C-alpha atoms as a PDB file:
ATOM      1  CA  MET A   1      34.092  87.901 120.833  1.00  0.00           C
ATOM      2  CA  LEU A   2      33.050  84.301 120.421  1.00  0.00           C
ATOM      3  CA  LEU A   3      31.173  83.644 117.223  1.00  0.00           C
ATOM      4  CA  GLY A   4      31.265  79.845 116.785  1.00  0.00           C
ATOM      5  CA  GLY A   5      28.500  77.530 115.683  1.00  0.00           C
ATOM      6  CA  ARG A   6      25.991  77.842 112.886  1.00  0.00           C
ATOM      7  CA  SER A   7      23.524  80.204 114.503  1.00  0.00           C
ATOM      8  CA  ARG A   8      24.552  83.727 115.372  1.00  0.00           C
ATOM      9  CA  TRP A   9      21.674  84.000 117.864  1.00  0.00           C
ATOM     10  CA  ARG A  10      22.283  82.947 121.452  1.00  0.00           C
ATOM     11  CA  ARG A  11      19.556  82.314 124.012  1.00  0.00           C
ATOM     12  CA  THR A  12      20.489  82.103 127.677  1.00  0.00           C
ATOM     13  CA  ARG A  13      18.686  82.185 131.009  1.00  0.00           C
ATOM     14  CA  CYS A  14      19.995  84.740 133.502  1.00  0.00           C
ATOM     15  CA  THR A  15      20.045  84.488 137.250  1.00  0.00           C
ATOM     16  CA  ALA A  16      19.321  87.822 138.905  1.00  0.00           C
ATOM     17  CA  PRO A  17      20.879  88.754 142.251  1.00  0.00           C
ATOM     18  CA  SER A  18      18.797  87.603 145.231  1.00  0.00           C
ATOM     19  CA  ASP A  19      18.012  91.189 146.271  1.00  0.00           C
ATOM     20  CA  TRP A  20      16.458  92.088 142.885  1.00  0.00           C
ATOM     21  CA  SER A  21      12.684  91.894 142.629  1.00  0.00           C
ATOM     22  CA  CYS A  22       9.658  93.544 141.019  1.00  0.00           C
ATOM     23  CA  LEU A  23       6.658  95.026 142.762  1.00  0.00           C
ATOM     24  CA  ILE A  24       3.487  93.806 140.987  1.00  0.00           C
ATOM     25  CA  ARG A  25       0.102  94.788 142.445  1.00  0.00           C
ATOM     26  CA  GLY A  26       1.751  95.369 145.796  1.00  0.00           C
ATOM     27  CA  GLN A  27       3.470  91.976 145.937  1.00  0.00           C
ATOM     28  CA  ARG A  28       7.218  91.441 145.611  1.00  0.00           C
ATOM     29  CA  VAL A  29       8.034  88.936 142.843  1.00  0.00           C
ATOM     30  CA  SER A  30      11.481  87.485 142.155  1.00  0.00           C
ATOM     31  CA  VAL A  31      13.106  88.368 138.857  1.00  0.00           C
ATOM     32  CA  GLU A  32      13.853  85.857 136.101  1.00  0.00           C
ATOM     33  CA  ALA A  33      15.050  86.682 132.626  1.00  0.00           C
ATOM     34  CA  THR A  34      15.893  84.955 129.378  1.00  0.00           C
ATOM     35  CA  ILE A  35      18.048  86.853 126.933  1.00  0.00           C
ATOM     36  CA  THR A  36      18.229  86.312 123.205  1.00  0.00           C
ATOM     37  CA  ALA A  37      21.260  88.060 121.736  1.00  0.00           C
ATOM     38  CA  GLU A  38      22.889  88.253 118.334  1.00  0.00           C
ATOM     39  CA  VAL A  39      26.633  87.762 118.568  1.00  0.00           C
ATOM     40  CA  LEU A  40      28.700  89.397 115.869  1.00  0.00           C
ATOM     41  CA  ALA A  41      32.170  90.775 115.306  1.00  0.00           C
ATOM     42  CA  LEU A  42      33.126  94.275 114.249  1.00  0.00           C
ATOM     43  CA  ILE A  43      36.452  94.482 112.437  1.00  0.00           C
ATOM     44  CA  VAL A  44      38.382  97.721 112.121  1.00  0.00           C
ATOM     45  CA  SER A  45      41.307  97.609 109.712  1.00  0.00           C
ATOM     46  CA  PHE A  46      43.866 100.289 109.024  1.00  0.00           C
ATOM     47  CA  PRO A  47      47.183 100.281 107.169  1.00  0.00           C
ATOM     48  CA  GLY A  48      50.618 100.347 108.724  1.00  0.00           C
ATOM     49  CA  ARG A  49      54.228  99.874 107.713  1.00  0.00           C
ATOM     50  CA  ASN A  50      56.282  96.743 108.039  1.00  0.00           C
ATOM     51  CA  GLU A  51      59.888  96.004 107.289  1.00  0.00           C
ATOM     52  CA  SER A  52      61.295  92.516 106.952  1.00  0.00           C
ATOM     53  CA  VAL A  53      65.014  91.727 107.117  1.00  0.00           C
ATOM     54  CA  ALA A  54      66.373  88.200 106.607  1.00  0.00           C
ATOM     55  CA  LEU A  55      69.892  86.931 107.221  1.00  0.00           C
ATOM     56  CA  THR A  56      70.801  83.853 105.220  1.00  0.00           C
ATOM     57  CA  HIS A  57      73.909  81.674 105.214  1.00  0.00           C
ATOM     58  CA  GLY A  58      76.201  82.754 102.357  1.00  0.00           C
ATOM     59  CA  VAL A  59      76.965  79.241 101.132  1.00  0.00           C
ATOM     60  CA  THR A  60      73.874  77.143 101.916  1.00  0.00           C
ATOM     61  CA  GLY A  61      71.272  79.889 101.600  1.00  0.00           C
ATOM     62  CA  GLU A  62      69.606  78.675 104.818  1.00  0.00           C
ATOM     63  CA  LEU A  63      67.654  81.251 106.767  1.00  0.00           C
ATOM     64  CA  GLU A  64      69.558  82.024 109.982  1.00  0.00           C
ATOM     65  CA  ARG A  65      67.725  85.055 111.342  1.00  0.00           C
ATOM     66  CA  TRP A  66      64.618  86.949 110.441  1.00  0.00           C
ATOM     67  CA  ARG A  67      63.347  90.217 111.837  1.00  0.00           C
ATOM     68  CA  ILE A  68      60.059  91.992 111.208  1.00  0.00           C
ATOM     69  CA  ALA A  69      59.389  95.557 112.387  1.00  0.00           C
ATOM     70  CA  THR A  70      55.864  96.957 112.181  1.00  0.00           C
ATOM     71  CA  ASP A  71      54.437 100.384 112.918  1.00  0.00           C
ATOM     72  CA  PHE A  72      50.724 101.055 112.869  1.00  0.00           C
ATOM     73  CA  GLY A  73      50.714 104.280 114.900  1.00  0.00           C
ATOM     74  CA  VAL A  74      47.466 105.790 116.185  1.00  0.00           C
ATOM     75  CA  PRO A  75      44.882 105.937 113.394  1.00  0.00           C
ATOM     76  CA  GLU A  76      43.382 109.301 112.534  1.00  0.00           C
ATOM     77  CA  GLY A  77      39.929 110.088 111.182  1.00  0.00           C
ATOM     78  CA  THR A  78      37.122 107.703 110.340  1.00  0.00           C
ATOM     79  CA  LEU A  79      37.906 104.027 109.927  1.00  0.00           C
ATOM     80  CA  PRO A  80      35.793 101.482 108.019  1.00  0.00           C
ATOM     81  CA  VAL A  81      34.025  98.848 110.133  1.00  0.00           C
ATOM     82  CA  THR A  82      33.281  95.397 108.712  1.00  0.00           C
ATOM     83  CA  THR A  83      30.588  93.285 110.397  1.00  0.00           C
ATOM     84  CA  VAL A  84      30.829  89.492 110.358  1.00  0.00           C
ATOM     85  CA  ARG A  85      28.320  87.120 111.926  1.00  0.00           C
ATOM     86  CA  THR A  86      30.039  83.701 111.878  1.00  0.00           C
ATOM     87  CA  GLU A  87      33.519  82.253 112.331  1.00  0.00           C
ATOM     88  CA  ALA A  88      33.455  81.161 108.666  1.00  0.00           C
ATOM     89  CA  ASP A  89      32.710  84.757 107.553  1.00  0.00           C
ATOM     90  CA  LEU A  90      35.534  86.001 109.800  1.00  0.00           C
ATOM     91  CA  ALA A  91      38.039  83.503 108.335  1.00  0.00           C
ATOM     92  CA  SER A  92      36.905  84.390 104.807  1.00  0.00           C
ATOM     93  CA  HIS A  93      37.283  88.128 105.473  1.00  0.00           C
ATOM     94  CA  LEU A  94      40.759  87.718 106.962  1.00  0.00           C
ATOM     95  CA  ARG A  95      41.888  85.726 103.892  1.00  0.00           C
ATOM     96  CA  THR A  96      40.916  88.656 101.621  1.00  0.00           C
ATOM     97  CA  LEU A  97      43.156  91.185 103.399  1.00  0.00           C
ATOM     98  CA  PRO A  98      46.301  91.985 101.387  1.00  0.00           C
ATOM     99  CA  GLY A  99      49.873  91.978 102.701  1.00  0.00           C
ATOM    100  CA  SER A 100      50.951  91.205 106.248  1.00  0.00           C
ATOM    101  CA  ARG A 101      48.332  91.217 108.985  1.00  0.00           C
ATOM    102  CA  LEU A 102      48.571  91.917 112.680  1.00  0.00           C
ATOM    103  CA  THR A 103      45.541  90.883 114.708  1.00  0.00           C
ATOM    104  CA  VAL A 104      45.408  92.692 118.040  1.00  0.00           C
ATOM    105  CA  GLY A 105      42.795  90.311 119.467  1.00  0.00           C
ATOM    106  CA  ARG A 106      39.171  89.717 120.316  1.00  0.00           C
ATOM    107  CA  PHE A 107      37.678  92.078 122.869  1.00  0.00           C
ATOM    108  CA  ARG A 108      34.287  91.956 124.507  1.00  0.00           C
ATOM    109  CA  LEU A 109      32.713  95.367 124.335  1.00  0.00           C
ATOM    110  CA  PRO A 110      31.487  96.852 127.630  1.00  0.00           C
ATOM    111  CA  ARG A 111      27.980  97.445 126.261  1.00  0.00           C
ATOM    112  CA  ILE A 112      25.416  95.659 124.147  1.00  0.00           C
ATOM    113  CA  ARG A 113      23.222  97.281 121.531  1.00  0.00           C
ATOM    114  CA  ASP A 114      19.596  97.198 122.646  1.00  0.00           C
ATOM    115  CA  LEU A 115      17.631  96.797 119.418  1.00  0.00           C
ATOM    116  CA  TYR A 116      14.304  97.624 121.117  1.00  0.00           C
ATOM    117  CA  ARG A 117      15.388 100.879 122.743  1.00  0.00           C
ATOM    118  CA  GLN A 118      17.938 101.764 120.020  1.00  0.00           C
ATOM    119  CA  ILE A 119      20.724 102.568 122.502  1.00  0.00           C
ATOM    120  CA  TYR A 120      23.726 100.825 124.030  1.00  0.00           C
ATOM    121  CA  TRP A 121      22.873  99.049 127.290  1.00  0.00           C
ATOM    122  CA  PRO A 122      23.469  99.946 130.038  1.00  0.00           C
ATOM    123  CA  PRO A 123      22.989 103.566 128.941  1.00  0.00           C
ATOM    124  CA  SER A 124      25.810 106.061 129.257  1.00  0.00           C
ATOM    125  CA  GLN A 125      25.545 109.243 131.319  1.00  0.00           C
ATOM    126  CA  ARG A 126      25.278 111.290 128.095  1.00  0.00           C
ATOM    127  CA  VAL A 127      22.413 109.163 126.745  1.00  0.00           C
ATOM    128  CA  GLY A 128      20.701 109.081 130.161  1.00  0.00           C
ATOM    129  CA  ASP A 129      20.735 112.874 130.277  1.00  0.00           C
ATOM    130  CA  LEU A 130      19.393 112.983 126.712  1.00  0.00           C
ATOM    131  CA  LEU A 131      16.587 110.525 127.614  1.00  0.00           C
ATOM    132  CA  ARG A 132      15.700 112.580 130.696  1.00  0.00           C
ATOM    133  CA  GLU A 133      15.616 115.768 128.604  1.00  0.00           C
ATOM    134  CA  ARG A 134      13.466 114.158 125.883  1.00  0.00           C
ATOM    135  CA  ALA A 135      11.018 112.720 128.440  1.00  0.00           C
ATOM    136  CA  SER A 136      10.684 115.901 130.530  1.00  0.00           C
ATOM    137  CA  PHE A 137       7.549 117.007 128.647  1.00  0.00           C
ATOM    138  CA  LEU A 138       5.743 113.896 129.963  1.00  0.00           C
ATOM    139  CA  ILE A 139       5.583 115.558 133.403  1.00  0.00           C
ATOM    140  CA  GLN A 140       3.391 118.339 131.977  1.00  0.00           C
ATOM    141  CA  ASP A 141       1.333 116.030 129.753  1.00  0.00           C
ATOM    142  CA  PRO A 142       1.279 112.391 130.984  1.00  0.00           C
ATOM    143  CA  SER A 143      -1.006 111.370 128.098  1.00  0.00           C
ATOM    144  CA  ALA A 144       1.643 112.344 125.542  1.00  0.00           C
ATOM    145  CA  GLN A 145       3.947 109.756 124.059  1.00  0.00           C
ATOM    146  CA  MET A 146       7.693 109.992 123.810  1.00  0.00           C
ATOM    147  CA  PRO A 147       8.831 109.933 120.187  1.00  0.00           C
ATOM    148  CA  GLY A 148      10.704 106.851 118.988  1.00  0.00           C
ATOM    149  CA  LEU A 149      14.445 106.684 119.448  1.00  0.00           C
ATOM    150  CA  GLU A 150      16.844 106.465 116.531  1.00  0.00           C
ATOM    151  CA  PHE A 151      20.211 104.806 117.179  1.00  0.00           C
ATOM    152  CA  ASP A 152      22.162 107.277 115.042  1.00  0.00           C
ATOM    153  CA  GLU A 153      20.604 110.172 116.952  1.00  0.00           C
ATOM    154  CA  MET A 154      21.091 108.685 120.431  1.00  0.00           C
ATOM    155  CA  GLU A 155      24.504 107.030 120.119  1.00  0.00           C
ATOM    156  CA  GLY A 156      25.852 108.319 116.832  1.00  0.00           C
ATOM    157  CA  LEU A 157      28.169 106.404 114.537  1.00  0.00           C
ATOM    158  CA  ASP A 158      31.336 106.894 116.600  1.00  0.00           C
ATOM    159  CA  MET A 159      32.154 103.594 118.323  1.00  0.00           C
ATOM    160  CA  ARG A 160      33.923 105.444 121.140  1.00  0.00           C
ATOM    161  CA  ALA A 161      30.424 105.917 122.630  1.00  0.00           C
ATOM    162  CA  ILE A 162      30.599 102.268 123.755  1.00  0.00           C
ATOM    163  CA  TRP A 163      33.241 103.246 126.353  1.00  0.00           C
ATOM    164  CA  GLU A 164      31.411 106.250 127.837  1.00  0.00           C
ATOM    165  CA  PRO A 165      30.713 106.135 131.601  1.00  0.00           C
ATOM    166  CA  ILE A 166      27.483 104.378 132.663  1.00  0.00           C
ATOM    167  CA  TRP A 167      24.529 106.576 133.658  1.00  0.00           C
ATOM    168  CA  SER A 168      25.058 107.288 137.362  1.00  0.00           C
ATOM    169  CA  ILE A 169      21.481 106.360 138.387  1.00  0.00           C
ATOM    170  CA  HIS A 170      21.517 103.013 136.544  1.00  0.00           C
ATOM    171  CA  PRO A 171      21.807  99.905 138.795  1.00  0.00           C
ATOM    172  CA  ALA A 172      24.928  98.816 136.894  1.00  0.00           C
ATOM    173  CA  ALA A 173      26.624 102.057 137.947  1.00  0.00           C
ATOM    174  CA  GLN A 174      25.711 101.308 141.564  1.00  0.00           C
ATOM    175  CA  SER A 175      26.999  97.732 141.331  1.00  0.00           C
ATOM    176  CA  PHE A 176      30.164  98.647 139.410  1.00  0.00           C
ATOM    177  CA  PRO A 177      31.119 102.216 140.399  1.00  0.00           C
ATOM    178  CA  ASP A 178      34.352 102.056 138.395  1.00  0.00           C
ATOM    179  CA  LEU A 179      32.285 101.914 135.193  1.00  0.00           C
ATOM    180  CA  SER A 180      30.515 105.188 135.971  1.00  0.00           C
ATOM    181  CA  ALA A 181      33.593 107.231 136.948  1.00  0.00           C
ATOM    182  CA  PRO A 182      34.878 108.908 133.758  1.00  0.00           C
ATOM    183  CA  GLU A 183      38.498 108.804 134.880  1.00  0.00           C
ATOM    184  CA  ARG A 184      38.299 105.094 135.807  1.00  0.00           C
ATOM    185  CA  CYS A 185      35.768 103.642 133.343  1.00  0.00           C
ATOM    186  CA  TYR A 186      36.732 100.776 131.056  1.00  0.00           C
ATOM    187  CA  ARG A 187      39.021 101.734 128.218  1.00  0.00           C
ATOM    188  CA  PRO A 188      39.745  99.799 125.044  1.00  0.00           C
ATOM    189  CA  PRO A 189      43.130  98.052 124.881  1.00  0.00           C
ATOM    190  CA  TRP A 190      44.443 100.425 122.193  1.00  0.00           C
ATOM    191  CA  PRO A 191      45.108 104.186 122.132  1.00  0.00           C
ATOM    192  CA  MET A 192      41.996 106.230 121.458  1.00  0.00           C
ATOM    193  CA  PRO A 193      42.243 109.474 119.477  1.00  0.00           C
ATOM    194  CA  LYS A 194      40.355 112.365 121.045  1.00  0.00           C
ATOM    195  CA  LYS A 195      36.842 113.139 119.813  1.00  0.00           C
ATOM    196  CA  PRO A 196      36.744 116.127 117.423  1.00  0.00           C
END
């Protein structure tokens, strides 16, 4: 996760693969896109145990050896998530944490949150099936409108949804088949407790 800079909004132009195009009024048009994205960090903190042992010289008192042992185990239950939007906010938050700290690292999440559609993008197989089910009534009544999507309803509040397999009919699943196979899809770099 790279926060950096003053603005948390990033605007970038994307180059689509040469075989991607749109069909508009019967004519094939090449695809261009500009993406504006908010970059933020989600921090999950949980307590652990640490033990510090120091060996000092008996006469001079100089530190000769120092050993630290930590054990964080696999967290259980719901964990608080803190959102920060700038590097300065991140540094400030880390300074407020008591005791010893172990930072596992910065990890790019395999999905982005689509604020327009209120889902993670690309959609997971579970959400794709839910979208298909919710839109099925449009076949009987094309003039009807699909009700708005709520993020909590579609994705829920469990962040493990970010690592679900990609919807099998989505182009990303075709381009990256490993991300749509449940047994081979991307996994976070820490142990994940099973969903209840």
